[in-house]
């Protein structure tokens, strides 16, 4: 599973609309809201980096959003890790 943290900024006066638009999306959570600066922290959860990037683009394209910046990324490896049989490939 992949997780990304974004700082998302709205246009002045559009902060409540931006929050509502983001909250309507799947696989995202808003963890901090700062109405004074028109910014929030959004966590995206995705099965792979492609899913995360698609969601990042979707958030960035919202009319209410003036900036979305990636500030952190984390991934968890699958519990089913297949060992490398041929170690010569690593050299």
PDB file of N, CA and C in Angstrom:
ATOM      1  N   UNK A   1       0.841  -1.166   0.000  1.00  0.00           N
ATOM      2  CA  UNK A   1       0.000   0.000   0.000  1.00  0.00           C
ATOM      3  C   UNK A   1       0.892   1.237   0.000  1.00  0.00           C
ATOM      4  N   UNK A   2       0.492   2.236  -0.751  1.00  0.00           N
ATOM      5  CA  UNK A   2       1.219   3.492  -0.845  1.00  0.00           C
ATOM      6  C   UNK A   2       0.420   4.599  -0.175  1.00  0.00           C
ATOM      7  N   UNK A   3       1.137   5.513   0.466  1.00  0.00           N
ATOM      8  CA  UNK A   3       0.527   6.663   1.105  1.00  0.00           C
ATOM      9  C   UNK A   3       1.301   7.912   0.709  1.00  0.00           C
ATOM     10  N   UNK A   4       0.587   8.965   0.359  1.00  0.00           N
ATOM     11  CA  UNK A   4       1.207  10.246   0.052  1.00  0.00           C
ATOM     12  C   UNK A   4       0.515  11.335   0.851  1.00  0.00           C
ATOM     13  N   UNK A   5       1.317  12.308   1.294  1.00  0.00           N
ATOM     14  CA  UNK A   5       0.776  13.468   1.992  1.00  0.00           C
ATOM     15  C   UNK A   5       0.946  14.684   1.100  1.00  0.00           C
ATOM     16  N   UNK A   6      -0.131  15.445   0.966  1.00  0.00           N
ATOM     17  CA  UNK A   6      -0.119  16.649   0.146  1.00  0.00           C
ATOM     18  C   UNK A   6      -0.486  17.852   0.992  1.00  0.00           C
ATOM     19  N   UNK A   7       0.098  18.998   0.659  1.00  0.00           N
ATOM     20  CA  UNK A   7      -0.401  20.278   1.155  1.00  0.00           C
ATOM     21  C   UNK A   7      -1.190  20.859  -0.001  1.00  0.00           C
ATOM     22  N   UNK A   8      -2.471  21.112   0.235  1.00  0.00           N
ATOM     23  CA  UNK A   8      -3.364  21.593  -0.818  1.00  0.00           C
ATOM     24  C   UNK A   8      -3.865  22.983  -0.429  1.00  0.00           C
ATOM     25  N   UNK A   9      -3.761  23.931  -1.366  1.00  0.00           N
ATOM     26  CA  UNK A   9      -4.175  25.317  -1.123  1.00  0.00           C
ATOM     27  C   UNK A   9      -5.339  25.691  -2.028  1.00  0.00           C
ATOM     28  N   UNK A  10      -6.253  26.465  -1.462  1.00  0.00           N
ATOM     29  CA  UNK A  10      -7.404  26.921  -2.245  1.00  0.00           C
ATOM     30  C   UNK A  10      -7.230  28.381  -2.628  1.00  0.00           C
ATOM     31  N   UNK A  11      -8.023  28.795  -3.571  1.00  0.00           N
ATOM     32  CA  UNK A  11      -8.121  30.216  -3.893  1.00  0.00           C
ATOM     33  C   UNK A  11      -8.779  30.917  -2.707  1.00  0.00           C
ATOM     34  N   UNK A  12      -8.440  32.179  -2.459  1.00  0.00           N
ATOM     35  CA  UNK A  12      -9.088  32.899  -1.358  1.00  0.00           C
ATOM     36  C   UNK A  12     -10.613  32.870  -1.498  1.00  0.00           C
ATOM     37  N   UNK A  13     -11.265  32.581  -0.370  1.00  0.00           N
ATOM     38  CA  UNK A  13     -12.722  32.538  -0.364  1.00  0.00           C
ATOM     39  C   UNK A  13     -13.320  31.232  -0.843  1.00  0.00           C
ATOM     40  N   UNK A  14     -12.482  30.298  -1.279  1.00  0.00           N
ATOM     41  CA  UNK A  14     -13.008  29.028  -1.807  1.00  0.00           C
ATOM     42  C   UNK A  14     -12.625  27.831  -0.942  1.00  0.00           C
ATOM     43  N   UNK A  15     -12.097  28.097   0.240  1.00  0.00           N
ATOM     44  CA  UNK A  15     -11.636  27.012   1.108  1.00  0.00           C
ATOM     45  C   UNK A  15     -12.736  26.013   1.445  1.00  0.00           C
ATOM     46  N   UNK A  16     -13.919  26.456   1.892  1.00  0.00           N
ATOM     47  CA  UNK A  16     -14.981  25.471   2.198  1.00  0.00           C
ATOM     48  C   UNK A  16     -15.370  24.633   0.975  1.00  0.00           C
ATOM     49  N   UNK A  17     -15.416  25.266  -0.187  1.00  0.00           N
ATOM     50  CA  UNK A  17     -15.745  24.523  -1.417  1.00  0.00           C
ATOM     51  C   UNK A  17     -14.669  23.491  -1.734  1.00  0.00           C
ATOM     52  N   UNK A  18     -13.394  23.872  -1.531  1.00  0.00           N
ATOM     53  CA  UNK A  18     -12.304  22.947  -1.800  1.00  0.00           C
ATOM     54  C   UNK A  18     -12.387  21.735  -0.875  1.00  0.00           C
ATOM     55  N   UNK A  19     -12.621  21.979   0.404  1.00  0.00           N
ATOM     56  CA  UNK A  19     -12.734  20.863   1.351  1.00  0.00           C
ATOM     57  C   UNK A  19     -13.851  19.915   0.949  1.00  0.00           C
ATOM     58  N   UNK A  20     -14.984  20.470   0.578  1.00  0.00           N
ATOM     59  CA  UNK A  20     -16.123  19.642   0.171  1.00  0.00           C
ATOM     60  C   UNK A  20     -15.776  18.812  -1.062  1.00  0.00           C
ATOM     61  N   UNK A  21     -15.089  19.414  -2.027  1.00  0.00           N
ATOM     62  CA  UNK A  21     -14.707  18.703  -3.249  1.00  0.00           C
ATOM     63  C   UNK A  21     -13.733  17.571  -2.941  1.00  0.00           C
ATOM     64  N   UNK A  22     -12.760  17.831  -2.077  1.00  0.00           N
ATOM     65  CA  UNK A  22     -11.783  16.797  -1.725  1.00  0.00           C
ATOM     66  C   UNK A  22     -12.447  15.680  -0.926  1.00  0.00           C
ATOM     67  N   UNK A  23     -13.311  16.047   0.014  1.00  0.00           N
ATOM     68  CA  UNK A  23     -13.992  15.042   0.838  1.00  0.00           C
ATOM     69  C   UNK A  23     -14.883  14.122   0.017  1.00  0.00           C
ATOM     70  N   UNK A  24     -15.294  14.561  -1.159  1.00  0.00           N
ATOM     71  CA  UNK A  24     -16.150  13.732  -2.006  1.00  0.00           C
ATOM     72  C   UNK A  24     -15.357  12.667  -2.774  1.00  0.00           C
ATOM     73  N   UNK A  25     -14.032  12.755  -2.745  1.00  0.00           N
ATOM     74  CA  UNK A  25     -13.189  11.809  -3.482  1.00  0.00           C
ATOM     75  C   UNK A  25     -12.952  10.543  -2.664  1.00  0.00           C
ATOM     76  N   UNK A  26     -12.734   9.451  -3.357  1.00  0.00           N
ATOM     77  CA  UNK A  26     -12.416   8.190  -2.677  1.00  0.00           C
ATOM     78  C   UNK A  26     -10.918   8.118  -2.392  1.00  0.00           C
ATOM     79  N   UNK A  27     -10.547   7.323  -1.404  1.00  0.00           N
ATOM     80  CA  UNK A  27      -9.158   7.035  -1.046  1.00  0.00           C
ATOM     81  C   UNK A  27      -8.364   8.263  -0.608  1.00  0.00           C
ATOM     82  N   UNK A  28      -9.040   9.272  -0.073  1.00  0.00           N
ATOM     83  CA  UNK A  28      -8.350  10.442   0.481  1.00  0.00           C
ATOM     84  C   UNK A  28      -8.945  10.787   1.840  1.00  0.00           C
ATOM     85  N   UNK A  29      -8.120  11.372   2.699  1.00  0.00           N
ATOM     86  CA  UNK A  29      -8.565  11.870   3.998  1.00  0.00           C
ATOM     87  C   UNK A  29      -7.922  13.217   4.232  1.00  0.00           C
ATOM     88  N   UNK A  30      -8.671  14.139   4.786  1.00  0.00           N
ATOM     89  CA  UNK A  30      -8.129  15.426   5.173  1.00  0.00           C
ATOM     90  C   UNK A  30      -7.763  15.336   6.652  1.00  0.00           C
ATOM     91  N   UNK A  31      -6.488  15.600   6.969  1.00  0.00           N
ATOM     92  CA  UNK A  31      -6.016  15.449   8.343  1.00  0.00           C
ATOM     93  C   UNK A  31      -5.808  16.759   9.075  1.00  0.00           C
ATOM     94  N   UNK A  32      -5.729  17.841   8.372  1.00  0.00           N
ATOM     95  CA  UNK A  32      -5.571  19.143   9.019  1.00  0.00           C
ATOM     96  C   UNK A  32      -6.164  20.202   8.107  1.00  0.00           C
ATOM     97  N   UNK A  33      -6.870  21.140   8.696  1.00  0.00           N
ATOM     98  CA  UNK A  33      -7.485  22.229   7.934  1.00  0.00           C
ATOM     99  C   UNK A  33      -7.071  23.549   8.569  1.00  0.00           C
ATOM    100  N   UNK A  34      -6.607  24.482   7.759  1.00  0.00           N
ATOM    101  CA  UNK A  34      -6.235  25.801   8.248  1.00  0.00           C
ATOM    102  C   UNK A  34      -6.915  26.851   7.385  1.00  0.00           C
ATOM    103  N   UNK A  35      -8.069  27.309   7.853  1.00  0.00           N
ATOM    104  CA  UNK A  35      -8.861  28.269   7.075  1.00  0.00           C
ATOM    105  C   UNK A  35      -8.122  29.596   6.899  1.00  0.00           C
ATOM    106  N   UNK A  36      -7.306  29.964   7.875  1.00  0.00           N
ATOM    107  CA  UNK A  36      -6.569  31.232   7.813  1.00  0.00           C
ATOM    108  C   UNK A  36      -5.619  31.268   6.604  1.00  0.00           C
ATOM    109  N   UNK A  37      -4.943  30.149   6.334  1.00  0.00           N
ATOM    110  CA  UNK A  37      -3.996  30.096   5.210  1.00  0.00           C
ATOM    111  C   UNK A  37      -4.597  29.454   3.962  1.00  0.00           C
ATOM    112  N   UNK A  38      -5.850  28.993   4.063  1.00  0.00           N
ATOM    113  CA  UNK A  38      -6.544  28.301   2.959  1.00  0.00           C
ATOM    114  C   UNK A  38      -5.803  27.037   2.533  1.00  0.00           C
ATOM    115  N   UNK A  39      -5.245  26.326   3.509  1.00  0.00           N
ATOM    116  CA  UNK A  39      -4.493  25.099   3.220  1.00  0.00           C
ATOM    117  C   UNK A  39      -5.010  23.935   4.054  1.00  0.00           C
ATOM    118  N   UNK A  40      -4.781  22.739   3.523  1.00  0.00           N
ATOM    119  CA  UNK A  40      -5.089  21.535   4.279  1.00  0.00           C
ATOM    120  C   UNK A  40      -4.070  20.452   3.935  1.00  0.00           C
ATOM    121  N   UNK A  41      -3.985  19.469   4.811  1.00  0.00           N
ATOM    122  CA  UNK A  41      -3.138  18.298   4.578  1.00  0.00           C
ATOM    123  C   UNK A  41      -4.052  17.166   4.143  1.00  0.00           C
ATOM    124  N   UNK A  42      -3.727  16.563   3.011  1.00  0.00           N
ATOM    125  CA  UNK A  42      -4.525  15.475   2.450  1.00  0.00           C
ATOM    126  C   UNK A  42      -3.650  14.233   2.343  1.00  0.00           C
ATOM    127  N   UNK A  43      -4.171  13.106   2.793  1.00  0.00           N
ATOM    128  CA  UNK A  43      -3.486  11.820   2.652  1.00  0.00           C
ATOM    129  C   UNK A  43      -4.188  11.020   1.569  1.00  0.00           C
ATOM    130  N   UNK A  44      -3.389  10.552   0.619  1.00  0.00           N
ATOM    131  CA  UNK A  44      -3.890   9.683  -0.455  1.00  0.00           C
ATOM    132  C   UNK A  44      -3.407   8.269  -0.160  1.00  0.00           C
ATOM    133  N   UNK A  45      -4.294   7.318  -0.308  1.00  0.00           N
ATOM    134  CA  UNK A  45      -3.949   5.904  -0.145  1.00  0.00           C
ATOM    135  C   UNK A  45      -4.215   5.201  -1.469  1.00  0.00           C
ATOM    136  N   UNK A  46      -3.231   4.441  -1.940  1.00  0.00           N
ATOM    137  CA  UNK A  46      -3.404   3.725  -3.202  1.00  0.00           C
ATOM    138  C   UNK A  46      -2.654   2.418  -3.226  1.00  0.00           C
ATOM    139  N   UNK A  47      -3.141   1.502  -4.039  1.00  0.00           N
ATOM    140  CA  UNK A  47      -2.510   0.193  -4.138  1.00  0.00           C
ATOM    141  C   UNK A  47      -1.142   0.262  -4.802  1.00  0.00           C
ATOM    142  N   UNK A  48      -0.959   1.236  -5.681  1.00  0.00           N
ATOM    143  CA  UNK A  48       0.333   1.416  -6.341  1.00  0.00           C
ATOM    144  C   UNK A  48       0.527   2.887  -6.671  1.00  0.00           C
ATOM    145  N   UNK A  49       1.702   3.223  -7.145  1.00  0.00           N
ATOM    146  CA  UNK A  49       2.038   4.610  -7.416  1.00  0.00           C
ATOM    147  C   UNK A  49       1.154   5.209  -8.514  1.00  0.00           C
ATOM    148  N   UNK A  50       0.713   4.398  -9.456  1.00  0.00           N
ATOM    149  CA  UNK A  50      -0.163   4.876 -10.525  1.00  0.00           C
ATOM    150  C   UNK A  50      -1.494   5.371  -9.983  1.00  0.00           C
ATOM    151  N   UNK A  51      -2.066   4.639  -9.051  1.00  0.00           N
ATOM    152  CA  UNK A  51      -3.330   5.033  -8.430  1.00  0.00           C
ATOM    153  C   UNK A  51      -3.140   6.345  -7.677  1.00  0.00           C
ATOM    154  N   UNK A  52      -2.028   6.447  -6.961  1.00  0.00           N
ATOM    155  CA  UNK A  52      -1.744   7.681  -6.224  1.00  0.00           C
ATOM    156  C   UNK A  52      -1.574   8.879  -7.158  1.00  0.00           C
ATOM    157  N   UNK A  53      -0.847   8.695  -8.227  1.00  0.00           N
ATOM    158  CA  UNK A  53      -0.616   9.789  -9.169  1.00  0.00           C
ATOM    159  C   UNK A  53      -1.924  10.237  -9.818  1.00  0.00           C
ATOM    160  N   UNK A  54      -2.772   9.290 -10.149  1.00  0.00           N
ATOM    161  CA  UNK A  54      -4.077   9.651 -10.719  1.00  0.00           C
ATOM    162  C   UNK A  54      -4.886  10.499  -9.744  1.00  0.00           C
ATOM    163  N   UNK A  55      -4.861  10.125  -8.460  1.00  0.00           N
ATOM    164  CA  UNK A  55      -5.604  10.886  -7.445  1.00  0.00           C
ATOM    165  C   UNK A  55      -4.966  12.258  -7.242  1.00  0.00           C
ATOM    166  N   UNK A  56      -3.633  12.330  -7.252  1.00  0.00           N
ATOM    167  CA  UNK A  56      -2.934  13.612  -7.132  1.00  0.00           C
ATOM    168  C   UNK A  56      -3.336  14.549  -8.278  1.00  0.00           C
ATOM    169  N   UNK A  57      -3.377  14.014  -9.487  1.00  0.00           N
ATOM    170  CA  UNK A  57      -3.791  14.816 -10.648  1.00  0.00           C
ATOM    171  C   UNK A  57      -5.248  15.260 -10.525  1.00  0.00           C
ATOM    172  N   UNK A  58      -6.093  14.370 -10.013  1.00  0.00           N
ATOM    173  CA  UNK A  58      -7.515  14.697  -9.837  1.00  0.00           C
ATOM    174  C   UNK A  58      -7.680  15.857  -8.846  1.00  0.00           C
ATOM    175  N   UNK A  59      -6.945  15.799  -7.740  1.00  0.00           N
ATOM    176  CA  UNK A  59      -7.007  16.875  -6.743  1.00  0.00           C
ATOM    177  C   UNK A  59      -6.463  18.169  -7.335  1.00  0.00           C
ATOM    178  N   UNK A  60      -5.338  18.092  -8.015  1.00  0.00           N
ATOM    179  CA  UNK A  60      -4.720  19.277  -8.615  1.00  0.00           C
ATOM    180  C   UNK A  60      -5.631  19.958  -9.627  1.00  0.00           C
ATOM    181  N   UNK A  61      -6.467  19.171 -10.303  1.00  0.00           N
ATOM    182  CA  UNK A  61      -7.332  19.702 -11.356  1.00  0.00           C
ATOM    183  C   UNK A  61      -8.645  20.306 -10.836  1.00  0.00           C
ATOM    184  N   UNK A  62      -8.915  20.155  -9.543  1.00  0.00           N
ATOM    185  CA  UNK A  62     -10.150  20.729  -8.996  1.00  0.00           C
ATOM    186  C   UNK A  62     -10.135  22.246  -9.174  1.00  0.00           C
ATOM    187  N   UNK A  63     -11.262  22.815  -9.551  1.00  0.00           N
ATOM    188  CA  UNK A  63     -11.362  24.265  -9.766  1.00  0.00           C
ATOM    189  C   UNK A  63     -10.985  25.073  -8.529  1.00  0.00           C
ATOM    190  N   UNK A  64     -11.273  24.550  -7.360  1.00  0.00           N
ATOM    191  CA  UNK A  64     -11.037  25.266  -6.116  1.00  0.00           C
ATOM    192  C   UNK A  64      -9.571  25.242  -5.676  1.00  0.00           C
ATOM    193  N   UNK A  65      -8.772  24.376  -6.281  1.00  0.00           N
ATOM    194  CA  UNK A  65      -7.375  24.184  -5.868  1.00  0.00           C
ATOM    195  C   UNK A  65      -6.454  25.070  -6.703  1.00  0.00           C
ATOM    196  N   UNK A  66      -5.598  25.826  -5.999  1.00  0.00           N
ATOM    197  CA  UNK A  66      -4.593  26.628  -6.707  1.00  0.00           C
ATOM    198  C   UNK A  66      -3.220  25.979  -6.651  1.00  0.00           C
ATOM    199  N   UNK A  67      -3.009  25.085  -5.678  1.00  0.00           N
ATOM    200  CA  UNK A  67      -1.728  24.378  -5.587  1.00  0.00           C
ATOM    201  C   UNK A  67      -1.914  23.097  -4.789  1.00  0.00           C
ATOM    202  N   UNK A  68      -1.255  22.051  -5.248  1.00  0.00           N
ATOM    203  CA  UNK A  68      -1.190  20.789  -4.506  1.00  0.00           C
ATOM    204  C   UNK A  68       0.261  20.326  -4.576  1.00  0.00           C
ATOM    205  N   UNK A  69       0.886  20.196  -3.414  1.00  0.00           N
ATOM    206  CA  UNK A  69       2.305  19.841  -3.351  1.00  0.00           C
ATOM    207  C   UNK A  69       2.491  18.548  -2.572  1.00  0.00           C
ATOM    208  N   UNK A  70       3.251  17.630  -3.147  1.00  0.00           N
ATOM    209  CA  UNK A  70       3.597  16.385  -2.464  1.00  0.00           C
ATOM    210  C   UNK A  70       4.657  16.691  -1.414  1.00  0.00           C
ATOM    211  N   UNK A  71       4.400  16.339  -0.160  1.00  0.00           N
ATOM    212  CA  UNK A  71       5.360  16.609   0.903  1.00  0.00           C
ATOM    213  C   UNK A  71       5.915  15.341   1.544  1.00  0.00           C
ATOM    214  N   UNK A  72       5.253  14.208   1.332  1.00  0.00           N
ATOM    215  CA  UNK A  72       5.757  12.949   1.881  1.00  0.00           C
ATOM    216  C   UNK A  72       5.153  11.780   1.109  1.00  0.00           C
ATOM    217  N   UNK A  73       5.925  10.693   1.043  1.00  0.00           N
ATOM    218  CA  UNK A  73       5.443   9.473   0.396  1.00  0.00           C
ATOM    219  C   UNK A  73       5.981   8.292   1.182  1.00  0.00           C
ATOM    220  N   UNK A  74       5.148   7.280   1.353  1.00  0.00           N
ATOM    221  CA  UNK A  74       5.545   6.071   2.059  1.00  0.00           C
ATOM    222  C   UNK A  74       4.883   4.883   1.385  1.00  0.00           C
ATOM    223  N   UNK A  75       5.572   3.762   1.387  1.00  0.00           N
ATOM    224  CA  UNK A  75       4.950   2.551   0.855  1.00  0.00           C
ATOM    225  C   UNK A  75       5.262   1.391   1.768  1.00  0.00           C
ATOM    226  N   UNK A  76       4.332   0.462   1.796  1.00  0.00           N
ATOM    227  CA  UNK A  76       4.502  -0.770   2.559  1.00  0.00           C
ATOM    228  C   UNK A  76       4.622  -1.903   1.573  1.00  0.00           C
ATOM    229  N   UNK A  77       5.634  -2.714   1.767  1.00  0.00           N
ATOM    230  CA  UNK A  77       5.828  -3.844   0.868  1.00  0.00           C
ATOM    231  C   UNK A  77       4.795  -4.924   1.144  1.00  0.00           C
ATOM    232  N   UNK A  78       4.516  -5.668   0.114  1.00  0.00           N
ATOM    233  CA  UNK A  78       3.562  -6.762   0.233  1.00  0.00           C
ATOM    234  C   UNK A  78       4.075  -7.816   1.207  1.00  0.00           C
ATOM    235  N   UNK A  79       3.152  -8.468   1.896  1.00  0.00           N
ATOM    236  CA  UNK A  79       3.523  -9.551   2.798  1.00  0.00           C
ATOM    237  C   UNK A  79       4.022 -10.758   2.016  1.00  0.00           C
ATOM    238  N   UNK A  80       3.682 -10.833   0.751  1.00  0.00           N
ATOM    239  CA  UNK A  80       4.095 -11.948  -0.091  1.00  0.00           C
ATOM    240  C   UNK A  80       5.300 -11.531  -0.935  1.00  0.00           C
ATOM    241  N   UNK A  81       6.462 -11.525  -0.327  1.00  0.00           N
ATOM    242  CA  UNK A  81       7.681 -11.154  -1.036  1.00  0.00           C
ATOM    243  C   UNK A  81       8.302 -12.419  -1.610  1.00  0.00           C
ATOM    244  N   UNK A  82       8.531 -12.395  -2.893  1.00  0.00           N
ATOM    245  CA  UNK A  82       9.134 -13.542  -3.564  1.00  0.00           C
ATOM    246  C   UNK A  82      10.649 -13.369  -3.555  1.00  0.00           C
ATOM    247  N   UNK A  83      11.381 -14.302  -2.959  1.00  0.00           N
ATOM    248  CA  UNK A  83      12.835 -14.165  -2.933  1.00  0.00           C
ATOM    249  C   UNK A  83      13.426 -14.273  -4.337  1.00  0.00           C
ATOM    250  N   UNK A  84      14.524 -13.593  -4.536  1.00  0.00           N
ATOM    251  CA  UNK A  84      15.225 -13.664  -5.830  1.00  0.00           C
ATOM    252  C   UNK A  84      15.986 -14.988  -5.864  1.00  0.00           C
ATOM    253  N   UNK A  85      15.735 -15.787  -6.869  1.00  0.00           N
ATOM    254  CA  UNK A  85      16.377 -17.086  -6.996  1.00  0.00           C
ATOM    255  C   UNK A  85      17.757 -16.975  -7.609  1.00  0.00           C
ATOM    256  N   UNK A  86      17.917 -16.060  -8.529  1.00  0.00           N
ATOM    257  CA  UNK A  86      19.184 -15.918  -9.235  1.00  0.00           C
ATOM    258  C   UNK A  86      19.869 -14.622  -8.789  1.00  0.00           C
ATOM    259  N   UNK A  87      20.755 -14.714  -7.805  1.00  0.00           N
ATOM    260  CA  UNK A  87      21.412 -13.540  -7.253  1.00  0.00           C
ATOM    261  C   UNK A  87      22.407 -12.914  -8.210  1.00  0.00           C
ATOM    262  N   UNK A  88      22.777 -13.600  -9.269  1.00  0.00           N
ATOM    263  CA  UNK A  88      23.716 -13.003 -10.228  1.00  0.00           C
ATOM    264  C   UNK A  88      23.106 -11.812 -10.932  1.00  0.00           C
ATOM    265  N   UNK A  89      21.791 -11.721 -10.967  1.00  0.00           N
ATOM    266  CA  UNK A  89      21.112 -10.561 -11.584  1.00  0.00           C
ATOM    267  C   UNK A  89      21.408  -9.271 -10.829  1.00  0.00           C
ATOM    268  N   UNK A  90      21.796  -9.370  -9.577  1.00  0.00           N
ATOM    269  CA  UNK A  90      22.050  -8.176  -8.770  1.00  0.00           C
ATOM    270  C   UNK A  90      23.440  -7.589  -8.980  1.00  0.00           C
ATOM    271  N   UNK A  91      24.338  -8.322  -9.579  1.00  0.00           N
ATOM    272  CA  UNK A  91      25.702  -7.813  -9.739  1.00  0.00           C
ATOM    273  C   UNK A  91      25.949  -7.162 -11.077  1.00  0.00           C
TER     274      UNK A  91
END
